[in-house]
Amino acid sequence: MEIDGYLYIGVLEIPKSDLTLPVMYEWDYDRLKISPCRFSGSYFTNDLVICAHNYARHFSPIKWLDIGEDVYFSTVDGNVYHYTVSNRETVQPTDVKQMIDRGEENWDLTLFTCNTGGQTRCAVRCMLESD
């Protein structure tokens, strides 16, 4: 879906943090100032990675999400994916491969943002629920 010249893939909802955020199709530094963005992957292949700035109304609250918290992603086609938080970790900013390569890990959605000061990243891993 295109809005104001930007392509969006859906809406991310994190009830505990009272966040409902549109997610842009692709990321760059200018887009991140507006909205969370797809960093890599897809909800079709269960490897979606979404990044956002550490703004209070963007991803700052994800660092307080507990294991088992609900996360929802609604696609522009009207499909709703229900995830639960399975892990929260700190990642070095240069370790992009760890952000997108699951390796032995089992996750379907990753949300990440800078921690305060920008020296590390907070990555929240989520698993798709079969409602």
C-alpha atoms as a PDB file:
ATOM      1  CA  MET A   1       0.000   0.000   0.000  1.00  0.00           C
ATOM      2  CA  GLU A   2       1.327   3.445  -0.884  1.00  0.00           C
ATOM      3  CA  ILE A   3       0.781   6.448   1.391  1.00  0.00           C
ATOM      4  CA  ASP A   4       2.386   9.840   0.743  1.00  0.00           C
ATOM      5  CA  GLY A   5       4.810   8.255  -1.709  1.00  0.00           C
ATOM      6  CA  TYR A   6       5.971   5.510   0.697  1.00  0.00           C
ATOM      7  CA  LEU A   7       5.196   1.805   0.386  1.00  0.00           C
ATOM      8  CA  TYR A   8       3.926  -0.001   3.499  1.00  0.00           C
ATOM      9  CA  ILE A   9       3.601  -3.738   4.134  1.00  0.00           C
ATOM     10  CA  GLY A  10       1.332  -3.615   7.169  1.00  0.00           C
ATOM     11  CA  VAL A  11       0.791  -2.535  10.761  1.00  0.00           C
ATOM     12  CA  LEU A  12       2.625  -3.773  13.846  1.00  0.00           C
ATOM     13  CA  GLU A  13       0.727  -3.800  17.133  1.00  0.00           C
ATOM     14  CA  ILE A  14       2.295  -4.320  20.556  1.00  0.00           C
ATOM     15  CA  PRO A  15      -0.576  -4.156  23.079  1.00  0.00           C
ATOM     16  CA  LYS A  16       1.594  -4.083  26.238  1.00  0.00           C
ATOM     17  CA  SER A  17       3.359  -0.960  24.987  1.00  0.00           C
ATOM     18  CA  ASP A  18       0.191   0.567  23.527  1.00  0.00           C
ATOM     19  CA  LEU A  19       1.924   0.790  20.139  1.00  0.00           C
ATOM     20  CA  THR A  20       0.273   0.555  16.745  1.00  0.00           C
ATOM     21  CA  LEU A  21       2.754   1.396  13.994  1.00  0.00           C
ATOM     22  CA  PRO A  22       2.703   1.205  10.197  1.00  0.00           C
ATOM     23  CA  VAL A  23       5.702  -0.639   8.737  1.00  0.00           C
ATOM     24  CA  MET A  24       7.371   0.566   5.542  1.00  0.00           C
ATOM     25  CA  TYR A  25       8.360  -1.869   2.818  1.00  0.00           C
ATOM     26  CA  GLU A  26      12.063  -0.967   2.846  1.00  0.00           C
ATOM     27  CA  TRP A  27      14.371   0.845   5.185  1.00  0.00           C
ATOM     28  CA  ASP A  28      16.792   3.716   4.914  1.00  0.00           C
ATOM     29  CA  TYR A  29      17.734   6.409   7.407  1.00  0.00           C
ATOM     30  CA  ASP A  30      15.167   8.905   6.116  1.00  0.00           C
ATOM     31  CA  ARG A  31      12.316   6.381   6.259  1.00  0.00           C
ATOM     32  CA  LEU A  32      13.280   5.357   9.803  1.00  0.00           C
ATOM     33  CA  LYS A  33      12.562   8.913  10.950  1.00  0.00           C
ATOM     34  CA  ILE A  34       8.946   8.401   9.867  1.00  0.00           C
ATOM     35  CA  SER A  35       8.095   4.802  10.679  1.00  0.00           C
ATOM     36  CA  PRO A  36       9.466   1.348  11.504  1.00  0.00           C
ATOM     37  CA  CYS A  37      10.732  -0.393   8.371  1.00  0.00           C
ATOM     38  CA  ARG A  38      11.228  -3.899   7.038  1.00  0.00           C
ATOM     39  CA  PHE A  39      14.958  -4.562   7.399  1.00  0.00           C
ATOM     40  CA  SER A  40      14.886  -8.006   5.773  1.00  0.00           C
ATOM     41  CA  GLY A  41      12.805 -11.129   5.303  1.00  0.00           C
ATOM     42  CA  SER A  42       9.064 -11.519   4.998  1.00  0.00           C
ATOM     43  CA  TYR A  43       6.023 -12.654   6.927  1.00  0.00           C
ATOM     44  CA  PHE A  44       5.489 -15.125   4.055  1.00  0.00           C
ATOM     45  CA  THR A  45       8.734 -16.948   4.914  1.00  0.00           C
ATOM     46  CA  ASN A  46       8.598 -16.442   8.726  1.00  0.00           C
ATOM     47  CA  ASP A  47      11.854 -14.476   8.875  1.00  0.00           C
ATOM     48  CA  LEU A  48      10.632 -10.883   8.994  1.00  0.00           C
ATOM     49  CA  VAL A  49      13.015  -8.382  10.632  1.00  0.00           C
ATOM     50  CA  ILE A  50      11.657  -4.911  11.465  1.00  0.00           C
ATOM     51  CA  CYS A  51      13.823  -2.026  12.640  1.00  0.00           C
ATOM     52  CA  ALA A  52      12.887   1.345  14.100  1.00  0.00           C
ATOM     53  CA  HIS A  53      14.451   4.250  15.925  1.00  0.00           C
ATOM     54  CA  ASN A  54      14.627   4.281  19.694  1.00  0.00           C
ATOM     55  CA  TYR A  55      11.896   6.945  19.828  1.00  0.00           C
ATOM     56  CA  ALA A  56       9.331   6.708  22.647  1.00  0.00           C
ATOM     57  CA  ARG A  57       6.513   6.210  20.096  1.00  0.00           C
ATOM     58  CA  HIS A  58       8.536   3.818  17.926  1.00  0.00           C
ATOM     59  CA  PHE A  59      10.672   0.980  19.367  1.00  0.00           C
ATOM     60  CA  SER A  60      12.029   2.358  22.637  1.00  0.00           C
ATOM     61  CA  PRO A  61       9.463   0.300  24.632  1.00  0.00           C
ATOM     62  CA  ILE A  62      10.497  -3.054  23.117  1.00  0.00           C
ATOM     63  CA  LYS A  63      13.369  -3.366  25.577  1.00  0.00           C
ATOM     64  CA  TRP A  64      10.778  -3.909  28.341  1.00  0.00           C
ATOM     65  CA  LEU A  65       8.791  -6.641  26.593  1.00  0.00           C
ATOM     66  CA  ASP A  66       8.600  -9.862  28.584  1.00  0.00           C
ATOM     67  CA  ILE A  67       8.777 -13.402  27.254  1.00  0.00           C
ATOM     68  CA  GLY A  68       5.263 -14.431  26.216  1.00  0.00           C
ATOM     69  CA  GLU A  69       4.041 -10.910  25.383  1.00  0.00           C
ATOM     70  CA  ASP A  70       1.768 -10.627  22.348  1.00  0.00           C
ATOM     71  CA  VAL A  71       2.810  -8.945  19.100  1.00  0.00           C
ATOM     72  CA  TYR A  72       0.531  -8.679  16.059  1.00  0.00           C
ATOM     73  CA  PHE A  73       1.311  -7.909  12.444  1.00  0.00           C
ATOM     74  CA  SER A  74      -1.570  -7.061  10.095  1.00  0.00           C
ATOM     75  CA  THR A  75      -0.721  -7.162   6.401  1.00  0.00           C
ATOM     76  CA  VAL A  76      -2.109  -4.751   3.824  1.00  0.00           C
ATOM     77  CA  ASP A  77      -4.080  -7.751   2.522  1.00  0.00           C
ATOM     78  CA  GLY A  78      -5.933  -8.032   5.829  1.00  0.00           C
ATOM     79  CA  ASN A  79      -4.141 -11.088   7.253  1.00  0.00           C
ATOM     80  CA  VAL A  80      -3.262 -10.900  10.953  1.00  0.00           C
ATOM     81  CA  TYR A  81      -0.239 -12.774  12.315  1.00  0.00           C
ATOM     82  CA  HIS A  82      -0.065 -13.350  16.072  1.00  0.00           C
ATOM     83  CA  TYR A  83       3.404 -13.688  17.610  1.00  0.00           C
ATOM     84  CA  THR A  84       4.679 -14.045  21.151  1.00  0.00           C
ATOM     85  CA  VAL A  85       8.018 -12.807  22.435  1.00  0.00           C
ATOM     86  CA  SER A  86      10.420 -15.731  22.845  1.00  0.00           C
ATOM     87  CA  ASN A  87      13.717 -13.952  23.543  1.00  0.00           C
ATOM     88  CA  ARG A  88      15.242 -10.539  24.074  1.00  0.00           C
ATOM     89  CA  GLU A  89      18.943 -10.019  23.465  1.00  0.00           C
ATOM     90  CA  THR A  90      21.610  -7.368  23.083  1.00  0.00           C
ATOM     91  CA  VAL A  91      23.428  -7.389  19.746  1.00  0.00           C
ATOM     92  CA  GLN A  92      26.471  -5.462  18.592  1.00  0.00           C
ATOM     93  CA  PRO A  93      25.659  -2.906  15.849  1.00  0.00           C
ATOM     94  CA  THR A  94      28.233  -4.431  13.503  1.00  0.00           C
ATOM     95  CA  ASP A  95      26.765  -7.927  13.816  1.00  0.00           C
ATOM     96  CA  VAL A  96      24.114  -7.580  11.123  1.00  0.00           C
ATOM     97  CA  LYS A  97      24.393 -11.270  10.258  1.00  0.00           C
ATOM     98  CA  GLN A  98      23.220 -12.237  13.754  1.00  0.00           C
ATOM     99  CA  MET A  99      20.186 -10.013  13.286  1.00  0.00           C
ATOM    100  CA  ILE A 100      19.016 -11.747  10.106  1.00  0.00           C
ATOM    101  CA  ASP A 101      20.585 -15.241  10.170  1.00  0.00           C
ATOM    102  CA  ARG A 102      18.649 -17.576  12.455  1.00  0.00           C
ATOM    103  CA  GLY A 103      21.330 -20.260  12.528  1.00  0.00           C
ATOM    104  CA  GLU A 104      20.242 -22.685  15.264  1.00  0.00           C
ATOM    105  CA  GLU A 105      17.741 -20.166  16.646  1.00  0.00           C
ATOM    106  CA  ASN A 106      14.060 -20.587  16.022  1.00  0.00           C
ATOM    107  CA  TRP A 107      12.183 -17.312  15.511  1.00  0.00           C
ATOM    108  CA  ASP A 108       9.702 -15.949  12.993  1.00  0.00           C
ATOM    109  CA  LEU A 109       9.865 -12.189  13.668  1.00  0.00           C
ATOM    110  CA  THR A 110      12.597  -9.900  14.996  1.00  0.00           C
ATOM    111  CA  LEU A 111      12.103  -6.322  16.171  1.00  0.00           C
ATOM    112  CA  PHE A 112      15.223  -4.265  16.801  1.00  0.00           C
ATOM    113  CA  THR A 113      16.335  -0.788  17.750  1.00  0.00           C
ATOM    114  CA  CYS A 114      19.367   1.004  19.160  1.00  0.00           C
ATOM    115  CA  ASN A 115      19.839   0.978  22.893  1.00  0.00           C
ATOM    116  CA  THR A 116      20.375   4.320  24.594  1.00  0.00           C
ATOM    117  CA  GLY A 117      23.654   5.767  23.386  1.00  0.00           C
ATOM    118  CA  GLY A 118      23.624   3.661  20.207  1.00  0.00           C
ATOM    119  CA  GLN A 119      26.462   1.344  21.270  1.00  0.00           C
ATOM    120  CA  THR A 120      24.337  -1.820  21.100  1.00  0.00           C
ATOM    121  CA  ARG A 121      21.025  -3.009  19.650  1.00  0.00           C
ATOM    122  CA  CYS A 122      18.057  -4.526  21.436  1.00  0.00           C
ATOM    123  CA  ALA A 123      16.642  -7.452  19.458  1.00  0.00           C
ATOM    124  CA  VAL A 124      13.288  -8.977  20.383  1.00  0.00           C
ATOM    125  CA  ARG A 125      12.667 -12.400  18.857  1.00  0.00           C
ATOM    126  CA  CYS A 126       9.106 -13.631  18.384  1.00  0.00           C
ATOM    127  CA  MET A 127       7.451 -16.901  17.463  1.00  0.00           C
ATOM    128  CA  LEU A 128       4.356 -17.237  15.283  1.00  0.00           C
ATOM    129  CA  GLU A 129       1.380 -18.601  17.184  1.00  0.00           C
ATOM    130  CA  SER A 130      -0.995 -21.044  15.543  1.00  0.00           C
ATOM    131  CA  ASP A 131      -4.268 -19.508  16.773  1.00  0.00           C
END
